[in-house]
Protein backbone atom coordinates (compact mmCIF):
# COMPACT_ATOMS: atom_id res chain seq x y z
CA UNK A 1 0.43 -0.26 -0.44
CA UNK A 2 1.81 3.77 -0.92
CA UNK A 3 2.64 5.89 1.34
CA UNK A 4 0.09 8.27 1.09
CA UNK A 5 -3.65 6.55 1.96
CA UNK A 6 -5.56 9.47 1.11
CA UNK A 7 -8.44 10.21 2.58
CA UNK A 8 -10.85 7.48 5.06
CA UNK A 9 -13.99 7.41 5.17
CA UNK A 10 -15.93 5.51 7.51
CA UNK A 11 -19.15 4.33 7.87
CA UNK A 12 -21.61 2.78 10.23
CA UNK A 13 -25.12 2.50 9.42
CA UNK A 14 -27.48 0.62 11.80
CA UNK A 15 -30.91 1.92 11.54
CA UNK A 16 -32.83 -1.71 10.16
CA UNK A 17 -32.06 -5.12 11.81
CA UNK A 18 -29.86 -5.42 8.77
CA UNK A 19 -27.07 -2.60 9.36
CA UNK A 20 -23.61 -2.12 7.41
CA UNK A 21 -19.58 -0.90 7.62
CA UNK A 22 -18.20 0.53 4.98
CA UNK A 23 -14.19 1.52 4.18
CA UNK A 24 -13.58 4.79 1.66
CA UNK A 25 -10.90 5.61 0.34
CA UNK A 26 -11.59 9.62 -1.53
CA UNK A 27 -14.77 8.01 -2.78
CA UNK A 28 -13.81 4.21 -3.78
CA UNK A 29 -15.43 1.50 -1.83
CA UNK A 30 -12.34 -0.81 -0.45
CA UNK A 31 -13.75 -2.68 1.67
CA UNK A 32 -17.83 -3.75 2.77
CA UNK A 33 -18.96 -6.06 5.95
CA UNK A 34 -23.01 -6.33 6.28
CA UNK A 35 -23.71 -6.63 10.12
CA UNK A 36 -26.11 -9.95 11.14
CA UNK A 37 -29.50 -9.40 9.45
CA UNK A 38 -32.01 -10.38 12.54
CA UNK A 39 -35.56 -10.66 12.02
CA UNK A 40 -37.13 -8.64 15.13
CA UNK A 41 -34.84 -6.18 17.69
CA UNK A 42 -31.54 -5.91 18.17
CA UNK A 43 -30.13 -8.79 20.93
CA UNK A 44 -26.89 -8.28 22.92
CA UNK A 45 -24.50 -10.51 19.81
CA UNK A 46 -26.10 -8.43 17.46
CA UNK A 47 -25.34 -4.71 19.08
CA UNK A 48 -21.45 -6.22 19.29
CA UNK A 49 -21.33 -7.56 15.79
CA UNK A 50 -21.00 -4.23 14.90
CA UNK A 51 -17.39 -3.03 16.92
CA UNK A 52 -16.15 -6.59 14.86
CA UNK A 53 -17.38 -4.97 11.62
CA UNK A 54 -15.36 -1.80 11.94
CA UNK A 55 -12.26 -3.99 13.15
CA UNK A 56 -12.71 -6.68 10.11
CA UNK A 57 -13.65 -3.81 7.22
CA UNK A 58 -10.22 -2.36 8.69
CA UNK A 59 -7.62 -4.83 8.63
CA UNK A 60 -9.11 -6.58 5.00
CA UNK A 61 -7.29 -3.11 3.94
CA UNK A 62 -4.30 -3.13 5.94
CA UNK A 63 -5.60 0.08 7.85
CA UNK A 64 -5.98 0.76 11.16
CA UNK A 65 -8.47 3.13 13.87
CA UNK A 66 -5.68 5.71 12.95
CA UNK A 67 -5.29 5.97 9.50
CA UNK A 68 -9.40 7.60 9.92
CA UNK A 69 -9.62 11.06 8.71
CA UNK A 70 -13.67 11.27 8.61
CA UNK A 71 -17.09 9.01 9.95
CA UNK A 72 -19.73 9.37 8.93
CA UNK A 73 -22.92 7.55 10.71
CA UNK A 74 -26.96 7.06 10.12
CA UNK A 75 -28.43 9.18 12.05
CA UNK A 76 -32.02 6.90 11.38
CA UNK A 77 -34.71 6.42 11.88
CA UNK A 78 -34.71 3.10 12.59
CA UNK A 79 -33.99 0.42 15.62
CA UNK A 80 -33.73 2.74 18.59
CA UNK A 81 -31.10 0.20 19.71
CA UNK A 82 -29.19 0.23 17.29
CA UNK A 83 -28.99 3.23 16.07
CA UNK A 84 -27.93 4.15 19.82
CA UNK A 85 -24.95 2.10 19.41
CA UNK A 86 -23.56 2.08 15.80
CA UNK A 87 -23.80 6.82 16.95
CA UNK A 88 -21.91 6.17 20.14
CA UNK A 89 -19.31 4.10 18.65
CA UNK A 90 -19.10 6.10 15.82
CA UNK A 91 -19.31 9.47 18.28
CA UNK A 92 -16.62 7.30 20.51
CA UNK A 93 -14.31 7.10 17.78
CA UNK A 94 -14.72 10.81 16.23
CA UNK A 95 -13.51 11.45 19.91
CA UNK A 96 -11.09 9.24 20.50
CA UNK A 97 -8.82 10.21 17.08
CA UNK A 98 -9.79 13.94 17.00
CA UNK A 99 -11.64 13.53 13.52
CA UNK A 100 -15.02 14.82 12.33
CA UNK A 101 -18.06 13.26 12.93
CA UNK A 102 -20.45 13.59 9.60
CA UNK A 103 -24.71 12.24 9.60
CA UNK A 104 -27.03 10.43 6.91
CA UNK A 105 -30.45 10.04 6.46
CA UNK A 106 -30.85 5.68 6.85
CA UNK A 107 -33.27 6.75 4.63
CA UNK A 108 -31.59 8.54 1.69
CA UNK A 109 -29.05 6.69 2.09
CA UNK A 110 -31.34 3.67 1.15
CA UNK A 111 -32.54 5.90 -1.26
CA UNK A 112 -29.30 6.40 -2.85
CA UNK A 113 -29.21 2.28 -2.99
CA UNK A 114 -32.22 2.45 -5.87
CA UNK A 115 -31.10 2.14 -9.03
CA UNK A 116 -30.95 5.50 -11.28
CA UNK A 117 -34.09 6.22 -12.69
CA UNK A 118 -36.34 8.96 -13.89
CA UNK A 119 -39.48 7.64 -11.83
CA UNK A 120 -39.37 9.44 -7.92
CA UNK A 121 -37.64 6.34 -4.99
CA UNK A 122 -40.32 6.58 -2.13
CA UNK A 123 -37.93 4.39 0.78
CA UNK A 124 -39.47 2.57 3.58
CA UNK A 125 -38.00 2.23 7.12
CA UNK A 126 -39.54 0.29 9.87
CA UNK A 127 -41.24 2.11 11.81
CA UNK A 128 -42.52 -0.64 14.27
CA UNK A 129 -46.53 -0.67 14.89
CA UNK A 130 -47.77 -1.61 11.41
CA UNK A 131 -45.87 2.11 10.47
CA UNK A 132 -43.62 3.01 8.08
CA UNK A 133 -41.19 6.30 8.71
CA UNK A 134 -41.44 7.48 4.46
CA UNK A 135 -39.58 9.43 1.88
CA UNK A 136 -39.31 10.32 -1.68
CA UNK A 137 -36.46 11.46 -3.02
CA UNK A 138 -34.85 12.11 -6.86
CA UNK A 139 -32.21 10.74 -7.46
CA UNK A 140 -29.52 10.68 -10.48
CA UNK A 141 -26.23 9.20 -11.23
CA UNK A 142 -23.74 10.93 -8.87
CA UNK A 143 -26.75 12.48 -6.56
CA UNK A 144 -29.63 11.80 -4.76
CA UNK A 145 -32.04 14.61 -3.86
CA UNK A 146 -34.83 14.51 -0.40
CA UNK A 147 -38.27 15.68 -2.45
CA UNK A 148 -40.84 14.80 -0.19
CA UNK A 149 -40.17 14.97 3.71
CA UNK A 150 -40.00 11.80 6.31
CA UNK A 151 -43.49 11.13 7.70
CA UNK A 152 -44.69 7.88 9.05
CA UNK A 153 -47.05 5.87 7.01
CA UNK A 154 -49.44 2.33 7.85
CA UNK A 155 -48.04 -0.29 6.26
CA UNK A 156 -51.90 -0.13 4.38
CA UNK A 157 -50.20 2.76 2.71
CA UNK A 158 -47.63 1.83 0.78
CA UNK A 159 -47.66 1.05 -2.35
CA UNK A 160 -51.40 2.43 -2.65
CA UNK A 161 -48.76 6.40 -2.10
CA UNK A 162 -45.72 5.46 -3.88
CA UNK A 163 -48.07 4.22 -7.08
CA UNK A 164 -49.70 7.25 -6.69
CA UNK A 165 -46.18 9.08 -7.39
CA UNK A 166 -46.12 6.30 -10.13
CA UNK A 167 -42.88 6.39 -7.97
CA UNK A 168 -40.30 3.44 -7.35
CA UNK A 169 -41.10 1.64 -3.55
CA UNK A 170 -37.57 0.95 -1.53
CA UNK A 171 -38.58 -1.34 1.76
CA UNK A 172 -36.14 -2.23 3.53
CA UNK A 173 -36.10 -5.39 5.02
CA UNK A 174 -37.64 -7.02 1.39
CA UNK A 175 -35.99 -8.69 -0.43
CA UNK A 176 -32.07 -8.63 2.01
CA UNK A 177 -32.66 -4.50 1.04
CA UNK A 178 -31.19 -2.38 3.72
CA UNK A 179 -29.79 0.82 3.75
CA UNK A 180 -26.04 0.23 2.80
CA UNK A 181 -22.54 2.25 3.87
CA UNK A 182 -21.02 1.79 1.18
CA UNK A 183 -24.11 3.84 -1.22
CA UNK A 184 -22.27 6.82 0.25
CA UNK A 185 -20.33 7.10 -2.00
CA UNK A 186 -23.41 8.83 -4.45
CA UNK A 187 -24.77 10.85 -2.23
CA UNK A 188 -20.80 12.01 -0.63
CA UNK A 189 -20.56 15.60 -1.36
CA UNK A 190 -24.54 16.70 -0.28
CA UNK A 191 -23.18 14.41 3.53
CA UNK A 192 -19.61 16.63 4.51
CA UNK A 193 -21.49 19.99 2.40
CA UNK A 194 -23.97 19.70 6.34
CA UNK A 195 -21.24 20.11 8.21
CA UNK A 196 -20.30 17.76 11.60
CA UNK A 197 -22.73 17.19 14.31
CA UNK A 198 -20.97 19.04 17.18
CA UNK A 199 -19.98 15.82 19.39
CA UNK A 200 -21.48 16.31 22.34
CA UNK A 201 -24.96 17.60 21.63
CA UNK A 202 -25.23 15.10 18.80
CA UNK A 203 -27.91 11.72 18.73
CA UNK A 204 -29.53 9.67 16.06
CA UNK A 205 -32.98 10.68 14.65
CA UNK A 206 -35.58 7.99 16.22
CA UNK A 207 -39.27 9.17 14.66
CA UNK A 208 -40.87 7.90 17.48
CA UNK A 209 -40.26 7.31 21.24
CA UNK A 210 -38.83 3.27 21.37
CA UNK A 211 -41.49 1.19 21.48
CA UNK A 212 -40.29 0.21 25.94
CA UNK A 213 -41.16 3.83 26.50
CA UNK A 214 -44.60 2.80 24.84
CA UNK A 215 -45.05 0.65 26.43
CA UNK A 216 -44.54 1.74 30.29
CA UNK A 217 -45.87 4.87 29.66
CA UNK A 218 -49.36 2.81 28.59
CA UNK A 219 -49.23 1.30 31.88
CA UNK A 220 -48.24 4.23 33.77
CA UNK A 221 -50.73 6.33 31.80
CA UNK A 222 -48.36 9.33 32.38
CA UNK A 223 -45.80 10.07 29.67
CA UNK A 224 -42.30 8.97 31.01
CA UNK A 225 -40.10 12.34 32.40
CA UNK A 226 -36.71 11.94 32.89
């Protein structure tokens, strides 16, 4: 490997039950690891898979954490637990290495993996309780732009909504589809143009309260206060 490693970027997304890790050198994908798919909320072994995947991806291209120049983390919306774990790892790396952390919408990342088409793309991520986080995008070969902001739709409304918009519907979790860290290369300029996050205050966009809190509030008949 040449002495000049270029700009090395670690990308992590764990917004769904099938997360991923990617390493970019400048704009080129040089390593990728897919996290084990789970059919339900993240368990200990699922959460613990993120760090080994990062280490494995770096080692596969003879890199170490100290070689990283920046980190990009999927900000959600999506699975509360895995988003929180991925964000904590990303912030930990950024703080200890003194490098910037950028965030990217996981819906945008999902749309970036769709084939280039003149039709819009409707990206959907499971929001639990029979609902989905949904946003609409328009893509070109080297960019993807949000045209309709994220919202929550009933599962029964998804296909009718996409049909009405004459859009390609991409649902995370169907046929192994999910936000893929490697696809950030297509939208890299837009991600970097937003600027880095503030490490001390940044949190993922969970989209809604965690399921455990919803159950507690329902049983208690009152909101959970900090």
